[in-house]
N, C-alpha and C. Protein backbone atom coordinates (compact mmCIF):
# COMPACT_ATOMS: atom_id res chain seq x y z
N UNK A 1 -43.94 -18.14 8.46
CA UNK A 1 -44.41 -16.77 8.41
C UNK A 1 -43.36 -15.84 9.03
N UNK A 2 -43.11 -14.73 8.38
CA UNK A 2 -42.11 -13.80 8.86
C UNK A 2 -42.65 -12.94 9.99
N UNK A 3 -41.74 -12.58 10.90
CA UNK A 3 -42.10 -11.69 12.00
C UNK A 3 -42.42 -10.31 11.45
N UNK A 4 -43.43 -9.68 12.01
CA UNK A 4 -43.86 -8.35 11.57
C UNK A 4 -43.39 -7.30 12.57
N UNK A 5 -42.74 -6.26 12.07
CA UNK A 5 -42.30 -5.14 12.90
C UNK A 5 -43.13 -3.94 12.48
N UNK A 6 -43.78 -3.32 13.45
CA UNK A 6 -44.65 -2.18 13.19
C UNK A 6 -43.94 -0.90 13.64
N UNK A 7 -43.63 -0.02 12.71
CA UNK A 7 -43.01 1.27 13.02
C UNK A 7 -44.09 2.34 12.98
N UNK A 8 -44.06 3.21 13.98
CA UNK A 8 -45.04 4.30 14.04
C UNK A 8 -44.29 5.62 14.05
N UNK A 9 -44.60 6.47 13.08
CA UNK A 9 -44.01 7.81 13.01
C UNK A 9 -45.10 8.79 13.41
N UNK A 10 -44.83 9.57 14.44
CA UNK A 10 -45.80 10.57 14.89
C UNK A 10 -45.32 11.94 14.45
N UNK A 11 -46.24 12.73 13.94
CA UNK A 11 -45.92 14.08 13.49
C UNK A 11 -47.02 15.02 13.96
N UNK A 12 -46.64 16.26 14.17
CA UNK A 12 -47.64 17.27 14.49
C UNK A 12 -48.53 17.48 13.28
N UNK A 13 -49.76 17.90 13.53
CA UNK A 13 -50.73 18.08 12.44
C UNK A 13 -50.18 19.01 11.36
N UNK A 14 -49.51 20.10 11.78
CA UNK A 14 -48.99 21.06 10.80
C UNK A 14 -47.77 20.52 10.03
N UNK A 15 -47.13 19.46 10.53
CA UNK A 15 -45.98 18.88 9.84
C UNK A 15 -46.32 17.61 9.07
N UNK A 16 -47.55 17.17 9.16
CA UNK A 16 -47.95 15.91 8.53
C UNK A 16 -47.73 15.93 7.02
N UNK A 17 -48.02 17.04 6.37
CA UNK A 17 -47.81 17.14 4.93
C UNK A 17 -46.35 17.00 4.55
N UNK A 18 -45.45 17.53 5.37
CA UNK A 18 -44.02 17.42 5.10
C UNK A 18 -43.55 15.98 5.26
N UNK A 19 -44.09 15.29 6.26
CA UNK A 19 -43.70 13.90 6.50
C UNK A 19 -44.18 13.01 5.36
N UNK A 20 -45.38 13.24 4.89
CA UNK A 20 -45.93 12.43 3.79
C UNK A 20 -45.30 12.82 2.47
N UNK A 21 -45.11 14.11 2.24
CA UNK A 21 -44.49 14.59 1.00
C UNK A 21 -45.49 14.71 -0.14
N UNK A 22 -45.02 15.33 -1.22
CA UNK A 22 -45.88 15.50 -2.40
C UNK A 22 -46.21 14.14 -2.98
N UNK A 23 -47.49 13.89 -3.14
CA UNK A 23 -48.02 12.63 -3.68
C UNK A 23 -47.49 11.42 -2.92
N UNK A 24 -47.15 11.62 -1.63
CA UNK A 24 -46.70 10.52 -0.79
C UNK A 24 -45.29 10.05 -1.05
N UNK A 25 -44.49 10.84 -1.75
CA UNK A 25 -43.14 10.41 -2.12
C UNK A 25 -42.24 10.18 -0.91
N UNK A 26 -42.30 11.07 0.07
CA UNK A 26 -41.45 10.92 1.26
C UNK A 26 -41.85 9.68 2.04
N UNK A 27 -43.14 9.48 2.23
CA UNK A 27 -43.63 8.30 2.94
C UNK A 27 -43.25 7.03 2.19
N UNK A 28 -43.37 7.05 0.88
CA UNK A 28 -43.01 5.88 0.07
C UNK A 28 -41.52 5.58 0.19
N UNK A 29 -40.69 6.63 0.22
CA UNK A 29 -39.25 6.44 0.36
C UNK A 29 -38.92 5.83 1.72
N UNK A 30 -39.58 6.31 2.77
CA UNK A 30 -39.36 5.73 4.11
C UNK A 30 -39.76 4.27 4.14
N UNK A 31 -40.89 3.95 3.50
CA UNK A 31 -41.34 2.55 3.46
C UNK A 31 -40.38 1.68 2.66
N UNK A 32 -39.81 2.22 1.59
CA UNK A 32 -38.85 1.47 0.78
C UNK A 32 -37.60 1.14 1.58
N UNK A 33 -37.09 2.12 2.33
CA UNK A 33 -35.91 1.89 3.17
C UNK A 33 -36.21 0.84 4.24
N UNK A 34 -37.36 0.96 4.90
CA UNK A 34 -37.74 -0.03 5.91
C UNK A 34 -37.89 -1.42 5.30
N UNK A 35 -38.46 -1.48 4.13
CA UNK A 35 -38.65 -2.76 3.45
C UNK A 35 -37.31 -3.42 3.13
N UNK A 36 -36.37 -2.64 2.63
CA UNK A 36 -35.05 -3.18 2.29
C UNK A 36 -34.33 -3.67 3.55
N UNK A 37 -34.38 -2.88 4.61
CA UNK A 37 -33.73 -3.28 5.86
C UNK A 37 -34.40 -4.52 6.45
N UNK A 38 -35.71 -4.57 6.38
CA UNK A 38 -36.45 -5.72 6.91
C UNK A 38 -36.17 -6.98 6.11
N UNK A 39 -36.07 -6.85 4.80
CA UNK A 39 -35.78 -8.01 3.96
C UNK A 39 -34.42 -8.60 4.31
N UNK A 40 -33.47 -7.74 4.61
CA UNK A 40 -32.13 -8.21 4.99
C UNK A 40 -32.20 -9.02 6.29
N UNK A 41 -33.11 -8.62 7.18
CA UNK A 41 -33.29 -9.33 8.45
C UNK A 41 -34.31 -10.45 8.36
N UNK A 42 -34.86 -10.66 7.16
CA UNK A 42 -35.89 -11.67 6.90
C UNK A 42 -37.12 -11.45 7.78
N UNK A 43 -37.55 -10.19 7.82
CA UNK A 43 -38.74 -9.80 8.57
C UNK A 43 -39.60 -8.91 7.69
N UNK A 44 -40.83 -8.67 8.10
CA UNK A 44 -41.73 -7.75 7.41
C UNK A 44 -41.86 -6.50 8.25
N UNK A 45 -42.13 -5.38 7.61
CA UNK A 45 -42.31 -4.14 8.36
C UNK A 45 -43.49 -3.35 7.82
N UNK A 46 -44.08 -2.57 8.71
CA UNK A 46 -45.19 -1.70 8.36
C UNK A 46 -44.89 -0.33 8.96
N UNK A 47 -45.07 0.72 8.18
CA UNK A 47 -44.88 2.07 8.67
C UNK A 47 -46.24 2.74 8.77
N UNK A 48 -46.57 3.20 9.96
CA UNK A 48 -47.80 3.95 10.18
C UNK A 48 -47.41 5.38 10.49
N UNK A 49 -48.06 6.33 9.84
CA UNK A 49 -47.81 7.74 10.09
C UNK A 49 -49.04 8.31 10.77
N UNK A 50 -48.86 8.77 12.00
CA UNK A 50 -49.96 9.29 12.80
C UNK A 50 -49.74 10.76 13.12
N UNK A 51 -50.83 11.44 13.44
CA UNK A 51 -50.69 12.84 13.87
C UNK A 51 -50.85 12.92 15.37
């Protein structure tokens, strides 16, 4: 089983929409980058976006 790395991005309530992006595109892009970097390290990653 691969090690899990949990990343937490905190944003102010008024900036949350910018962090997530239209239809979640920005959040999806961040998760894609984390996934690629994690795969190279043979680990799993999770991105949580909190306010």
